[in-house]
Amino acid sequence: MFRTYFINARGDEALGSTWSYLDMTALGRQETWEDSPEGYPRTPPYEWWNWHDEYGAPEPADA
């Protein structure tokens, strides 16, 4: 087993919020100010989440 990433003690405390973790991912937040390379998916900011009251009506299961 090869360890590729390691944090000990309180090393990840500075990361803090969900947004801090998203900033470290390959696609980031996909905001308009980010300079993403060609071919990276570009979606409108903050449209990747679905609020529970915006889900469609569930389809009935076959009996």
PDB file of N, CA and C in Angstrom:
ATOM      1  N   MET A   1       0.846  -1.160   0.000  1.00  0.00           N
ATOM      2  CA  MET A   1       0.000   0.000   0.000  1.00  0.00           C
ATOM      3  C   MET A   1       0.899   1.234   0.000  1.00  0.00           C
ATOM      4  N   PHE A   2       0.598   2.167  -0.872  1.00  0.00           N
ATOM      5  CA  PHE A   2       1.367   3.395  -0.975  1.00  0.00           C
ATOM      6  C   PHE A   2       0.489   4.564  -0.555  1.00  0.00           C
ATOM      7  N   ARG A   3       0.948   5.329   0.393  1.00  0.00           N
ATOM      8  CA  ARG A   3       0.178   6.468   0.882  1.00  0.00           C
ATOM      9  C   ARG A   3       0.469   7.673  -0.012  1.00  0.00           C
ATOM     10  N   THR A   4      -0.570   8.168  -0.682  1.00  0.00           N
ATOM     11  CA  THR A   4      -0.370   9.289  -1.601  1.00  0.00           C
ATOM     12  C   THR A   4      -0.678  10.633  -0.962  1.00  0.00           C
ATOM     13  N   TYR A   5      -1.405  10.618   0.151  1.00  0.00           N
ATOM     14  CA  TYR A   5      -1.782  11.871   0.786  1.00  0.00           C
ATOM     15  C   TYR A   5      -1.906  11.624   2.276  1.00  0.00           C
ATOM     16  N   PHE A   6      -1.416  12.534   3.087  1.00  0.00           N
ATOM     17  CA  PHE A   6      -1.423  12.301   4.522  1.00  0.00           C
ATOM     18  C   PHE A   6      -1.581  13.619   5.270  1.00  0.00           C
ATOM     19  N   ILE A   7      -2.463  13.616   6.246  1.00  0.00           N
ATOM     20  CA  ILE A   7      -2.633  14.753   7.155  1.00  0.00           C
ATOM     21  C   ILE A   7      -2.690  14.182   8.561  1.00  0.00           C
ATOM     22  N   ASN A   8      -1.984  14.821   9.490  1.00  0.00           N
ATOM     23  CA  ASN A   8      -2.069  14.359  10.872  1.00  0.00           C
ATOM     24  C   ASN A   8      -2.429  15.526  11.783  1.00  0.00           C
ATOM     25  N   ALA A   9      -2.728  15.188  13.015  1.00  0.00           N
ATOM     26  CA  ALA A   9      -3.104  16.166  14.038  1.00  0.00           C
ATOM     27  C   ALA A   9      -4.292  16.996  13.540  1.00  0.00           C
ATOM     28  N   ARG A  10      -4.148  18.313  13.503  1.00  0.00           N
ATOM     29  CA  ARG A  10      -5.248  19.179  13.082  1.00  0.00           C
ATOM     30  C   ARG A  10      -4.933  19.819  11.731  1.00  0.00           C
ATOM     31  N   GLY A  11      -4.281  19.066  10.869  1.00  0.00           N
ATOM     32  CA  GLY A  11      -3.809  19.593   9.601  1.00  0.00           C
ATOM     33  C   GLY A  11      -4.886  20.010   8.626  1.00  0.00           C
ATOM     34  N   ASP A  12      -6.065  19.408   8.708  1.00  0.00           N
ATOM     35  CA  ASP A  12      -7.126  19.792   7.772  1.00  0.00           C
ATOM     36  C   ASP A  12      -8.083  20.824   8.361  1.00  0.00           C
ATOM     37  N   GLU A  13      -7.770  21.338   9.517  1.00  0.00           N
ATOM     38  CA  GLU A  13      -8.656  22.304  10.159  1.00  0.00           C
ATOM     39  C   GLU A  13      -8.820  23.576   9.329  1.00  0.00           C
ATOM     40  N   ALA A  14      -7.767  23.988   8.646  1.00  0.00           N
ATOM     41  CA  ALA A  14      -7.829  25.219   7.860  1.00  0.00           C
ATOM     42  C   ALA A  14      -8.759  25.086   6.662  1.00  0.00           C
ATOM     43  N   LEU A  15      -9.063  23.862   6.257  1.00  0.00           N
ATOM     44  CA  LEU A  15      -9.928  23.679   5.096  1.00  0.00           C
ATOM     45  C   LEU A  15     -11.333  24.179   5.381  1.00  0.00           C
ATOM     46  N   GLY A  16     -11.846  23.850   6.524  1.00  0.00           N
ATOM     47  CA  GLY A  16     -13.090  24.445   6.979  1.00  0.00           C
ATOM     48  C   GLY A  16     -14.354  23.968   6.309  1.00  0.00           C
ATOM     49  N   SER A  17     -14.812  24.651   5.295  1.00  0.00           N
ATOM     50  CA  SER A  17     -16.154  24.431   4.768  1.00  0.00           C
ATOM     51  C   SER A  17     -16.161  23.541   3.527  1.00  0.00           C
ATOM     52  N   THR A  18     -17.369  23.250   3.076  1.00  0.00           N
ATOM     53  CA  THR A  18     -17.549  22.488   1.847  1.00  0.00           C
ATOM     54  C   THR A  18     -16.904  23.192   0.672  1.00  0.00           C
ATOM     55  N   TRP A  19     -17.000  24.509   0.635  1.00  0.00           N
ATOM     56  CA  TRP A  19     -16.450  25.279  -0.484  1.00  0.00           C
ATOM     57  C   TRP A  19     -14.934  25.148  -0.536  1.00  0.00           C
ATOM     58  N   SER A  20     -14.292  25.040   0.598  1.00  0.00           N
ATOM     59  CA  SER A  20     -12.839  24.856   0.619  1.00  0.00           C
ATOM     60  C   SER A  20     -12.457  23.531  -0.028  1.00  0.00           C
ATOM     61  N   TYR A  21     -13.244  22.493   0.230  1.00  0.00           N
ATOM     62  CA  TYR A  21     -12.969  21.200  -0.382  1.00  0.00           C
ATOM     63  C   TYR A  21     -13.251  21.239  -1.880  1.00  0.00           C
ATOM     64  N   LEU A  22     -14.313  21.904  -2.291  1.00  0.00           N
ATOM     65  CA  LEU A  22     -14.609  22.016  -3.719  1.00  0.00           C
ATOM     66  C   LEU A  22     -13.506  22.755  -4.461  1.00  0.00           C
ATOM     67  N   ASP A  23     -12.920  23.743  -3.826  1.00  0.00           N
ATOM     68  CA  ASP A  23     -11.846  24.500  -4.466  1.00  0.00           C
ATOM     69  C   ASP A  23     -10.640  23.627  -4.776  1.00  0.00           C
ATOM     70  N   MET A  24     -10.466  22.523  -4.058  1.00  0.00           N
ATOM     71  CA  MET A  24      -9.317  21.646  -4.283  1.00  0.00           C
ATOM     72  C   MET A  24      -9.591  20.563  -5.315  1.00  0.00           C
ATOM     73  N   THR A  25     -10.835  20.399  -5.746  1.00  0.00           N
ATOM     74  CA  THR A  25     -11.158  19.352  -6.709  1.00  0.00           C
ATOM     75  C   THR A  25     -10.771  19.776  -8.115  1.00  0.00           C
ATOM     76  N   ALA A  26     -10.750  18.814  -9.013  1.00  0.00           N
ATOM     77  CA  ALA A  26     -10.321  19.090 -10.388  1.00  0.00           C
ATOM     78  C   ALA A  26     -11.233  20.096 -11.085  1.00  0.00           C
ATOM     79  N   LEU A  27     -12.526  19.996 -10.876  1.00  0.00           N
ATOM     80  CA  LEU A  27     -13.459  20.907 -11.542  1.00  0.00           C
ATOM     81  C   LEU A  27     -13.782  22.131 -10.707  1.00  0.00           C
ATOM     82  N   GLY A  28     -13.399  22.137  -9.467  1.00  0.00           N
ATOM     83  CA  GLY A  28     -13.652  23.294  -8.611  1.00  0.00           C
ATOM     84  C   GLY A  28     -15.130  23.570  -8.435  1.00  0.00           C
ATOM     85  N   ARG A  29     -15.462  24.823  -8.264  1.00  0.00           N
ATOM     86  CA  ARG A  29     -16.858  25.221  -8.094  1.00  0.00           C
ATOM     87  C   ARG A  29     -17.552  25.450  -9.423  1.00  0.00           C
ATOM     88  N   GLN A  30     -16.806  25.546 -10.493  1.00  0.00           N
ATOM     89  CA  GLN A  30     -17.317  25.857 -11.827  1.00  0.00           C
ATOM     90  C   GLN A  30     -18.003  27.212 -11.843  1.00  0.00           C
ATOM     91  N   GLU A  31     -17.401  28.178 -11.198  1.00  0.00           N
ATOM     92  CA  GLU A  31     -17.944  29.530 -11.220  1.00  0.00           C
ATOM     93  C   GLU A  31     -17.414  30.283 -12.434  1.00  0.00           C
ATOM     94  N   THR A  32     -18.070  31.388 -12.770  1.00  0.00           N
ATOM     95  CA  THR A  32     -17.713  32.130 -13.977  1.00  0.00           C
ATOM     96  C   THR A  32     -16.327  32.737 -13.893  1.00  0.00           C
ATOM     97  N   TRP A  33     -15.829  33.038 -12.714  1.00  0.00           N
ATOM     98  CA  TRP A  33     -14.506  33.648 -12.577  1.00  0.00           C
ATOM     99  C   TRP A  33     -13.377  32.648 -12.702  1.00  0.00           C
ATOM    100  N   GLU A  34     -13.684  31.352 -12.656  1.00  0.00           N
ATOM    101  CA  GLU A  34     -12.640  30.337 -12.755  1.00  0.00           C
ATOM    102  C   GLU A  34     -12.190  30.169 -14.202  1.00  0.00           C
ATOM    103  N   ASP A  35     -10.931  29.897 -14.383  1.00  0.00           N
ATOM    104  CA  ASP A  35     -10.350  29.718 -15.707  1.00  0.00           C
ATOM    105  C   ASP A  35     -10.183  28.229 -15.966  1.00  0.00           C
ATOM    106  N   SER A  36     -11.243  27.597 -16.458  1.00  0.00           N
ATOM    107  CA  SER A  36     -11.203  26.161 -16.714  1.00  0.00           C
ATOM    108  C   SER A  36     -10.665  25.904 -18.117  1.00  0.00           C
ATOM    109  N   PRO A  37      -9.892  24.838 -18.288  1.00  0.00           N
ATOM    110  CA  PRO A  37      -9.365  24.506 -19.613  1.00  0.00           C
ATOM    111  C   PRO A  37     -10.477  24.113 -20.581  1.00  0.00           C
ATOM    112  N   GLU A  38     -10.180  24.171 -21.862  1.00  0.00           N
ATOM    113  CA  GLU A  38     -11.135  23.734 -22.878  1.00  0.00           C
ATOM    114  C   GLU A  38     -11.495  22.272 -22.643  1.00  0.00           C
ATOM    115  N   GLY A  39     -12.759  21.934 -22.854  1.00  0.00           N
ATOM    116  CA  GLY A  39     -13.209  20.567 -22.677  1.00  0.00           C
ATOM    117  C   GLY A  39     -13.748  20.267 -21.295  1.00  0.00           C
ATOM    118  N   TYR A  40     -13.493  21.132 -20.326  1.00  0.00           N
ATOM    119  CA  TYR A  40     -14.049  20.930 -18.992  1.00  0.00           C
ATOM    120  C   TYR A  40     -15.524  21.316 -19.025  1.00  0.00           C
ATOM    121  N   PRO A  41     -16.359  20.564 -18.325  1.00  0.00           N
ATOM    122  CA  PRO A  41     -17.783  20.914 -18.316  1.00  0.00           C
ATOM    123  C   PRO A  41     -18.006  22.285 -17.699  1.00  0.00           C
ATOM    124  N   ARG A  42     -18.799  23.091 -18.349  1.00  0.00           N
ATOM    125  CA  ARG A  42     -19.126  24.428 -17.846  1.00  0.00           C
ATOM    126  C   ARG A  42     -20.633  24.492 -17.648  1.00  0.00           C
ATOM    127  N   THR A  43     -21.048  24.526 -16.418  1.00  0.00           N
ATOM    128  CA  THR A  43     -22.468  24.643 -16.106  1.00  0.00           C
ATOM    129  C   THR A  43     -22.693  25.956 -15.385  1.00  0.00           C
ATOM    130  N   PRO A  44     -23.908  26.477 -15.433  1.00  0.00           N
ATOM    131  CA  PRO A  44     -24.182  27.698 -14.678  1.00  0.00           C
ATOM    132  C   PRO A  44     -23.908  27.467 -13.192  1.00  0.00           C
ATOM    133  N   PRO A  45     -23.356  28.456 -12.508  1.00  0.00           N
ATOM    134  CA  PRO A  45     -23.004  28.273 -11.099  1.00  0.00           C
ATOM    135  C   PRO A  45     -24.205  27.907 -10.225  1.00  0.00           C
ATOM    136  N   TYR A  46     -23.967  26.992  -9.322  1.00  0.00           N
ATOM    137  CA  TYR A  46     -24.925  26.610  -8.280  1.00  0.00           C
ATOM    138  C   TYR A  46     -26.215  26.021  -8.830  1.00  0.00           C
ATOM    139  N   GLU A  47     -26.168  25.409  -9.994  1.00  0.00           N
ATOM    140  CA  GLU A  47     -27.349  24.715 -10.507  1.00  0.00           C
ATOM    141  C   GLU A  47     -27.172  23.207 -10.435  1.00  0.00           C
ATOM    142  N   TRP A  48     -26.131  22.745  -9.736  1.00  0.00           N
ATOM    143  CA  TRP A  48     -25.885  21.315  -9.647  1.00  0.00           C
ATOM    144  C   TRP A  48     -26.582  20.687  -8.457  1.00  0.00           C
ATOM    145  N   TRP A  49     -27.181  21.474  -7.595  1.00  0.00           N
ATOM    146  CA  TRP A  49     -27.889  20.882  -6.460  1.00  0.00           C
ATOM    147  C   TRP A  49     -29.393  20.949  -6.706  1.00  0.00           C
ATOM    148  N   ASN A  50     -30.113  20.023  -6.109  1.00  0.00           N
ATOM    149  CA  ASN A  50     -31.570  19.979  -6.203  1.00  0.00           C
ATOM    150  C   ASN A  50     -32.140  20.087  -4.801  1.00  0.00           C
ATOM    151  N   TRP A  51     -32.950  21.092  -4.593  1.00  0.00           N
ATOM    152  CA  TRP A  51     -33.633  21.212  -3.311  1.00  0.00           C
ATOM    153  C   TRP A  51     -34.745  20.178  -3.261  1.00  0.00           C
ATOM    154  N   HIS A  52     -35.031  19.677  -2.083  1.00  0.00           N
ATOM    155  CA  HIS A  52     -36.010  18.601  -1.953  1.00  0.00           C
ATOM    156  C   HIS A  52     -37.387  18.992  -2.467  1.00  0.00           C
ATOM    157  N   ASP A  53     -37.747  20.259  -2.404  1.00  0.00           N
ATOM    158  CA  ASP A  53     -39.069  20.657  -2.882  1.00  0.00           C
ATOM    159  C   ASP A  53     -39.087  20.934  -4.382  1.00  0.00           C
ATOM    160  N   GLU A  54     -37.964  20.760  -5.069  1.00  0.00           N
ATOM    161  CA  GLU A  54     -37.920  20.941  -6.517  1.00  0.00           C
ATOM    162  C   GLU A  54     -37.837  19.611  -7.259  1.00  0.00           C
ATOM    163  N   TYR A  55     -37.872  18.495  -6.536  1.00  0.00           N
ATOM    164  CA  TYR A  55     -37.859  17.193  -7.190  1.00  0.00           C
ATOM    165  C   TYR A  55     -39.184  16.993  -7.903  1.00  0.00           C
ATOM    166  N   GLY A  56     -39.157  16.211  -8.948  1.00  0.00           N
ATOM    167  CA  GLY A  56     -40.394  15.871  -9.629  1.00  0.00           C
ATOM    168  C   GLY A  56     -41.210  14.893  -8.798  1.00  0.00           C
ATOM    169  N   ALA A  57     -42.448  14.714  -9.181  1.00  0.00           N
ATOM    170  CA  ALA A  57     -43.315  13.772  -8.471  1.00  0.00           C
ATOM    171  C   ALA A  57     -42.804  12.355  -8.704  1.00  0.00           C
ATOM    172  N   PRO A  58     -42.801  11.530  -7.675  1.00  0.00           N
ATOM    173  CA  PRO A  58     -42.325  10.152  -7.859  1.00  0.00           C
ATOM    174  C   PRO A  58     -43.269   9.369  -8.757  1.00  0.00           C
ATOM    175  N   GLU A  59     -42.682   8.516  -9.577  1.00  0.00           N
ATOM    176  CA  GLU A  59     -43.507   7.684 -10.444  1.00  0.00           C
ATOM    177  C   GLU A  59     -43.953   6.455  -9.660  1.00  0.00           C
ATOM    178  N   PRO A  60     -45.206   6.037  -9.858  1.00  0.00           N
ATOM    179  CA  PRO A  60     -45.689   4.867  -9.105  1.00  0.00           C
ATOM    180  C   PRO A  60     -44.948   3.604  -9.540  1.00  0.00           C
ATOM    181  N   ALA A  61     -44.687   2.748  -8.575  1.00  0.00           N
ATOM    182  CA  ALA A  61     -44.010   1.484  -8.859  1.00  0.00           C
ATOM    183  C   ALA A  61     -44.995   0.505  -9.477  1.00  0.00           C
ATOM    184  N   ASP A  62     -44.497  -0.326 -10.390  1.00  0.00           N
ATOM    185  CA  ASP A  62     -45.360  -1.353 -10.987  1.00  0.00           C
ATOM    186  C   ASP A  62     -45.680  -2.409  -9.935  1.00  0.00           C
ATOM    187  N   ALA A  63     -46.929  -2.863  -9.953  1.00  0.00           N
ATOM    188  CA  ALA A  63     -47.357  -3.838  -8.942  1.00  0.00           C
ATOM    189  C   ALA A  63     -46.972  -5.226  -9.282  1.00  0.00           C
TER     190      ALA A  63
END
